[in-house]
Every structure is written in structure tokens, then in C-alpha cells.
Amino acid sequence: MPKKLFEGCVDNEAFHGAFSKSPYEFKHFNLNFIGVYVDGQPVPHNPLELDFSKDQYIRAYQTLFVGTDRMGQDRGIFISRKEYKDANTLFGFNLSPRIYVLQENI
């Protein structure tokens, strides 16, 4: 099993090489649920429930810190919450045995 998994969604035209679209613009597409399952069990934590229209995506934003091993450290990922929502919506999952706790309230 991989130790880390990163997921992002791009526009179909961008994926297929349209010059007018950027394959590096990761949109949220109003995604409302995402999780990783192994043998029917959620790992490394329960799936995320999101609502980008109500700015309820902080736990998803935190996955980038967890996935890049920067959670709780004095180093950033250089993507603000606004940039995350606007065009950098990536999800990072650290699947290694280390346990991370995503903050429910920030």
C-alpha cells in the first residue's frame, strides 16, 4: 500500500491538453465527500464532508499539511485557504502507520 496519496480534480478539457485550460488548476467542482478506503475501512480517518459554498472545507485544507508532513510544524505549504478554494484544491492522505488527528474546530 502507498504511504501517501494526493488527489486533485481538473477540468476535462485541461486533462486532454486544451491550450486554453491549465492542467495545474485543481478545482473543487463542489465536491461534498471524499475519503480513502482499504478493505472497506476508511483510512487514515473518516471521510471528509465538504461544502465549499459555505466555506466548510478547513479539514480538507488540513489534509495538505498532514500529507506533506507539515502539520504542527513551523513550515507552511504556501497555499492560502483562499487559494486552496479557488484553484489549488488538493487532498493529501498520509497512509503510513503514524497517526494524525485532524482538528474538528479551528
N, C-alpha and C. Protein backbone atom coordinates (compact mmCIF):
# COMPACT_ATOMS: atom_id res chain seq x y z
N MET A 1 0.84 -1.17 0.00
CA MET A 1 0.00 0.00 0.00
C MET A 1 0.89 1.24 0.00
N PRO A 2 0.50 2.28 -0.75
CA PRO A 2 1.31 3.51 -0.75
C PRO A 2 1.28 4.19 0.61
N LYS A 3 2.32 4.98 0.88
CA LYS A 3 2.39 5.70 2.15
C LYS A 3 1.67 7.03 2.09
N LYS A 4 1.59 7.61 0.90
CA LYS A 4 0.92 8.89 0.73
C LYS A 4 0.10 8.87 -0.55
N LEU A 5 -0.99 9.62 -0.51
CA LEU A 5 -1.87 9.71 -1.66
C LEU A 5 -2.34 11.15 -1.78
N PHE A 6 -2.19 11.72 -2.96
CA PHE A 6 -2.67 13.07 -3.23
C PHE A 6 -3.67 13.00 -4.38
N GLU A 7 -4.77 13.75 -4.23
CA GLU A 7 -5.83 13.72 -5.23
C GLU A 7 -6.24 15.14 -5.55
N GLY A 8 -6.49 15.38 -6.82
CA GLY A 8 -6.99 16.67 -7.26
C GLY A 8 -7.81 16.48 -8.52
N CYS A 9 -8.72 17.40 -8.77
CA CYS A 9 -9.59 17.32 -9.94
C CYS A 9 -9.28 18.47 -10.89
N VAL A 10 -9.22 18.15 -12.17
CA VAL A 10 -9.00 19.17 -13.19
C VAL A 10 -10.13 19.12 -14.21
N ASP A 11 -10.30 20.21 -14.91
CA ASP A 11 -11.28 20.29 -15.98
C ASP A 11 -10.95 19.25 -17.05
N ASN A 12 -11.97 18.62 -17.62
CA ASN A 12 -11.77 17.57 -18.62
C ASN A 12 -10.95 18.07 -19.81
N GLU A 13 -11.25 19.28 -20.28
CA GLU A 13 -10.50 19.83 -21.41
C GLU A 13 -9.04 20.05 -21.05
N ALA A 14 -8.77 20.49 -19.84
CA ALA A 14 -7.39 20.68 -19.39
C ALA A 14 -6.66 19.35 -19.33
N PHE A 15 -7.35 18.32 -18.85
CA PHE A 15 -6.75 16.99 -18.76
C PHE A 15 -6.34 16.48 -20.14
N HIS A 16 -7.14 16.81 -21.15
CA HIS A 16 -6.87 16.33 -22.50
C HIS A 16 -6.02 17.29 -23.32
N GLY A 17 -5.43 18.29 -22.69
CA GLY A 17 -4.43 19.11 -23.34
C GLY A 17 -4.89 20.38 -24.03
N ALA A 18 -6.09 20.85 -23.77
CA ALA A 18 -6.55 22.10 -24.39
C ALA A 18 -5.64 23.25 -23.95
N PHE A 19 -5.15 24.00 -24.92
CA PHE A 19 -4.23 25.10 -24.61
C PHE A 19 -4.90 26.21 -23.82
N SER A 20 -6.22 26.32 -23.91
CA SER A 20 -6.94 27.38 -23.20
C SER A 20 -7.19 27.06 -21.73
N LYS A 21 -6.85 25.86 -21.30
CA LYS A 21 -7.08 25.42 -19.92
C LYS A 21 -5.76 25.01 -19.28
N SER A 22 -5.68 25.16 -17.97
CA SER A 22 -4.47 24.78 -17.25
C SER A 22 -4.65 23.44 -16.54
N PRO A 23 -3.76 22.50 -16.78
CA PRO A 23 -3.84 21.22 -16.06
C PRO A 23 -3.37 21.33 -14.61
N TYR A 24 -2.93 22.53 -14.23
CA TYR A 24 -2.47 22.75 -12.85
C TYR A 24 -3.49 23.56 -12.04
N GLU A 25 -4.67 23.73 -12.58
CA GLU A 25 -5.74 24.41 -11.85
C GLU A 25 -6.66 23.33 -11.28
N PHE A 26 -6.48 23.05 -10.00
CA PHE A 26 -7.22 21.99 -9.33
C PHE A 26 -8.47 22.58 -8.69
N LYS A 27 -9.60 22.38 -9.32
CA LYS A 27 -10.87 22.95 -8.86
C LYS A 27 -11.58 22.00 -7.90
N HIS A 28 -12.45 22.57 -7.10
CA HIS A 28 -13.19 21.73 -6.14
C HIS A 28 -14.45 21.12 -6.75
N PHE A 29 -14.97 21.68 -7.83
CA PHE A 29 -16.16 21.16 -8.51
C PHE A 29 -17.30 20.87 -7.54
N ASN A 30 -17.38 21.65 -6.47
CA ASN A 30 -18.42 21.47 -5.44
C ASN A 30 -18.46 20.06 -4.87
N LEU A 31 -17.30 19.44 -4.80
CA LEU A 31 -17.18 18.12 -4.19
C LEU A 31 -17.70 18.18 -2.75
N ASN A 32 -18.50 17.22 -2.34
CA ASN A 32 -19.04 17.28 -0.99
C ASN A 32 -18.65 16.11 -0.10
N PHE A 33 -17.88 15.17 -0.64
CA PHE A 33 -17.49 13.98 0.14
C PHE A 33 -16.25 13.38 -0.50
N ILE A 34 -15.26 13.07 0.32
CA ILE A 34 -14.07 12.38 -0.20
C ILE A 34 -13.46 11.56 0.93
N GLY A 35 -13.01 10.38 0.59
CA GLY A 35 -12.37 9.51 1.57
C GLY A 35 -11.56 8.44 0.88
N VAL A 36 -10.71 7.81 1.64
CA VAL A 36 -9.89 6.70 1.15
C VAL A 36 -10.29 5.47 1.95
N TYR A 37 -10.52 4.39 1.25
CA TYR A 37 -10.94 3.15 1.91
C TYR A 37 -9.98 2.02 1.53
N VAL A 38 -9.66 1.19 2.51
CA VAL A 38 -8.88 -0.03 2.29
C VAL A 38 -9.66 -1.17 2.91
N ASP A 39 -9.98 -2.16 2.11
CA ASP A 39 -10.79 -3.30 2.57
C ASP A 39 -12.08 -2.84 3.24
N GLY A 40 -12.70 -1.80 2.68
CA GLY A 40 -13.97 -1.31 3.19
C GLY A 40 -13.89 -0.42 4.42
N GLN A 41 -12.68 -0.17 4.92
CA GLN A 41 -12.50 0.66 6.11
C GLN A 41 -11.86 2.00 5.72
N PRO A 42 -12.36 3.11 6.30
CA PRO A 42 -11.77 4.40 5.98
C PRO A 42 -10.38 4.54 6.60
N VAL A 43 -9.42 5.02 5.80
CA VAL A 43 -8.06 5.29 6.27
C VAL A 43 -7.61 6.62 5.69
N PRO A 44 -6.81 7.40 6.30
CA PRO A 44 -6.34 7.30 7.68
C PRO A 44 -7.35 7.83 8.68
N HIS A 45 -8.47 8.39 8.21
CA HIS A 45 -9.51 8.94 9.08
C HIS A 45 -10.84 8.82 8.35
N ASN A 46 -11.91 9.18 9.02
CA ASN A 46 -13.23 9.14 8.39
C ASN A 46 -13.26 10.07 7.18
N PRO A 47 -14.11 9.78 6.21
CA PRO A 47 -14.20 10.63 5.02
C PRO A 47 -14.54 12.08 5.39
N LEU A 48 -14.15 12.97 4.52
CA LEU A 48 -14.40 14.39 4.72
C LEU A 48 -15.73 14.77 4.07
N GLU A 49 -16.54 15.53 4.79
CA GLU A 49 -17.77 16.08 4.23
C GLU A 49 -17.55 17.58 4.06
N LEU A 50 -17.74 18.07 2.85
CA LEU A 50 -17.37 19.43 2.49
C LEU A 50 -18.57 20.20 1.96
N ASP A 51 -18.52 21.53 2.10
CA ASP A 51 -19.50 22.41 1.48
C ASP A 51 -18.76 23.70 1.13
N PHE A 52 -18.21 23.75 -0.07
CA PHE A 52 -17.41 24.89 -0.48
C PHE A 52 -18.24 26.17 -0.57
N SER A 53 -19.54 26.06 -0.87
CA SER A 53 -20.38 27.25 -0.97
C SER A 53 -20.55 27.93 0.39
N LYS A 54 -20.37 27.18 1.48
CA LYS A 54 -20.48 27.73 2.83
C LYS A 54 -19.11 27.83 3.51
N ASP A 55 -18.05 27.72 2.72
CA ASP A 55 -16.67 27.77 3.23
C ASP A 55 -16.41 26.73 4.31
N GLN A 56 -16.96 25.56 4.17
CA GLN A 56 -16.74 24.46 5.11
C GLN A 56 -15.81 23.43 4.46
N TYR A 57 -14.51 23.76 4.48
CA TYR A 57 -13.53 22.89 3.85
C TYR A 57 -12.19 22.88 4.59
N ILE A 58 -12.16 23.40 5.82
CA ILE A 58 -10.90 23.52 6.55
C ILE A 58 -10.24 22.17 6.79
N ARG A 59 -11.02 21.14 7.07
CA ARG A 59 -10.42 19.81 7.29
C ARG A 59 -9.76 19.31 6.00
N ALA A 60 -10.34 19.61 4.86
CA ALA A 60 -9.73 19.23 3.59
C ALA A 60 -8.42 19.99 3.38
N TYR A 61 -8.43 21.29 3.71
CA TYR A 61 -7.21 22.10 3.62
C TYR A 61 -6.12 21.52 4.52
N GLN A 62 -6.51 21.05 5.70
CA GLN A 62 -5.54 20.46 6.62
C GLN A 62 -4.89 19.20 6.05
N THR A 63 -5.59 18.49 5.17
CA THR A 63 -5.00 17.26 4.63
C THR A 63 -3.71 17.54 3.88
N LEU A 64 -3.57 18.74 3.33
CA LEU A 64 -2.31 19.07 2.66
C LEU A 64 -1.16 19.15 3.65
N PHE A 65 -1.43 19.69 4.83
CA PHE A 65 -0.40 19.76 5.87
C PHE A 65 -0.05 18.36 6.36
N VAL A 66 -1.07 17.53 6.56
CA VAL A 66 -0.83 16.16 7.02
C VAL A 66 -0.11 15.36 5.94
N GLY A 67 -0.57 15.47 4.70
CA GLY A 67 0.02 14.71 3.61
C GLY A 67 1.45 15.09 3.29
N THR A 68 1.83 16.33 3.60
CA THR A 68 3.20 16.78 3.35
C THR A 68 4.05 16.79 4.62
N ASP A 69 3.53 16.18 5.69
CA ASP A 69 4.24 16.10 6.97
C ASP A 69 4.56 17.47 7.56
N ARG A 70 3.69 18.44 7.35
CA ARG A 70 3.91 19.78 7.88
C ARG A 70 2.91 20.16 8.96
N MET A 71 2.06 19.25 9.33
CA MET A 71 1.07 19.53 10.37
C MET A 71 1.79 19.73 11.70
N GLY A 72 1.50 20.85 12.38
CA GLY A 72 2.09 21.12 13.68
C GLY A 72 3.53 21.60 13.62
N GLN A 73 4.02 21.92 12.43
CA GLN A 73 5.39 22.40 12.29
C GLN A 73 5.39 23.87 11.90
N ASP A 74 6.50 24.51 12.09
CA ASP A 74 6.63 25.92 11.76
C ASP A 74 7.07 26.08 10.31
N ARG A 75 6.37 25.38 9.42
CA ARG A 75 6.63 25.48 7.98
C ARG A 75 5.27 25.47 7.29
N GLY A 76 5.17 26.19 6.22
CA GLY A 76 3.90 26.25 5.52
C GLY A 76 3.90 25.44 4.24
N ILE A 77 2.79 25.52 3.55
CA ILE A 77 2.68 24.86 2.25
C ILE A 77 2.55 25.90 1.14
N PHE A 78 2.53 27.18 1.51
CA PHE A 78 2.49 28.30 0.58
C PHE A 78 1.24 28.31 -0.30
N ILE A 79 0.15 27.78 0.23
CA ILE A 79 -1.16 27.87 -0.40
C ILE A 79 -2.12 28.37 0.68
N SER A 80 -2.65 29.56 0.47
CA SER A 80 -3.59 30.11 1.46
C SER A 80 -4.94 29.38 1.36
N ARG A 81 -5.78 29.59 2.36
CA ARG A 81 -7.11 28.97 2.31
C ARG A 81 -7.90 29.46 1.10
N LYS A 82 -7.78 30.74 0.78
CA LYS A 82 -8.48 31.28 -0.39
C LYS A 82 -7.95 30.64 -1.67
N GLU A 83 -6.63 30.54 -1.80
CA GLU A 83 -6.04 29.91 -2.98
C GLU A 83 -6.44 28.44 -3.07
N TYR A 84 -6.53 27.80 -1.91
CA TYR A 84 -6.95 26.40 -1.88
C TYR A 84 -8.34 26.26 -2.49
N LYS A 85 -9.26 27.10 -2.08
CA LYS A 85 -10.63 27.02 -2.59
C LYS A 85 -10.71 27.43 -4.06
N ASP A 86 -9.95 28.44 -4.46
CA ASP A 86 -10.08 28.99 -5.80
C ASP A 86 -9.46 28.13 -6.91
N ALA A 87 -8.32 27.52 -6.69
CA ALA A 87 -7.70 26.77 -7.80
C ALA A 87 -6.62 25.79 -7.36
N ASN A 88 -6.52 25.51 -6.08
CA ASN A 88 -5.49 24.59 -5.59
C ASN A 88 -6.10 23.55 -4.66
N THR A 89 -7.28 23.07 -5.00
CA THR A 89 -7.98 22.12 -4.14
C THR A 89 -7.38 20.73 -4.33
N LEU A 90 -6.44 20.41 -3.49
CA LEU A 90 -5.79 19.10 -3.49
C LEU A 90 -6.05 18.45 -2.13
N PHE A 91 -6.08 17.15 -2.14
CA PHE A 91 -6.31 16.40 -0.90
C PHE A 91 -5.11 15.50 -0.68
N GLY A 92 -4.52 15.57 0.51
CA GLY A 92 -3.37 14.75 0.84
C GLY A 92 -3.71 13.76 1.94
N PHE A 93 -3.37 12.53 1.72
CA PHE A 93 -3.65 11.49 2.71
C PHE A 93 -2.36 10.77 3.04
N ASN A 94 -1.97 10.82 4.31
CA ASN A 94 -0.80 10.09 4.78
C ASN A 94 -1.29 8.73 5.26
N LEU A 95 -0.95 7.69 4.55
CA LEU A 95 -1.43 6.35 4.85
C LEU A 95 -0.44 5.53 5.67
N SER A 96 0.67 6.16 6.08
CA SER A 96 1.65 5.44 6.89
C SER A 96 1.08 5.17 8.28
N PRO A 97 1.70 4.28 9.03
CA PRO A 97 1.17 3.94 10.36
C PRO A 97 1.12 5.08 11.35
N ARG A 98 1.83 6.19 11.10
CA ARG A 98 1.75 7.33 12.01
C ARG A 98 0.33 7.82 12.08
N ILE A 99 -0.07 8.27 13.23
CA ILE A 99 -1.45 8.73 13.42
C ILE A 99 -1.46 10.24 13.54
N TYR A 100 -2.30 10.86 12.73
CA TYR A 100 -2.51 12.29 12.79
C TYR A 100 -3.97 12.53 13.15
N VAL A 101 -4.21 13.59 13.87
CA VAL A 101 -5.58 13.95 14.22
C VAL A 101 -5.91 15.26 13.52
N LEU A 102 -6.95 15.25 12.70
CA LEU A 102 -7.41 16.48 12.08
C LEU A 102 -8.25 17.25 13.08
N GLN A 103 -7.99 18.52 13.21
CA GLN A 103 -8.72 19.35 14.16
C GLN A 103 -10.15 19.54 13.67
N GLU A 104 -11.11 19.28 14.54
CA GLU A 104 -12.51 19.46 14.19
C GLU A 104 -12.88 20.94 14.19
N ASN A 105 -12.31 21.71 15.09
CA ASN A 105 -12.65 23.13 15.21
C ASN A 105 -11.39 23.97 15.16
N ILE A 106 -11.38 24.88 14.24
CA ILE A 106 -10.22 25.78 14.13
C ILE A 106 -10.72 27.20 14.18
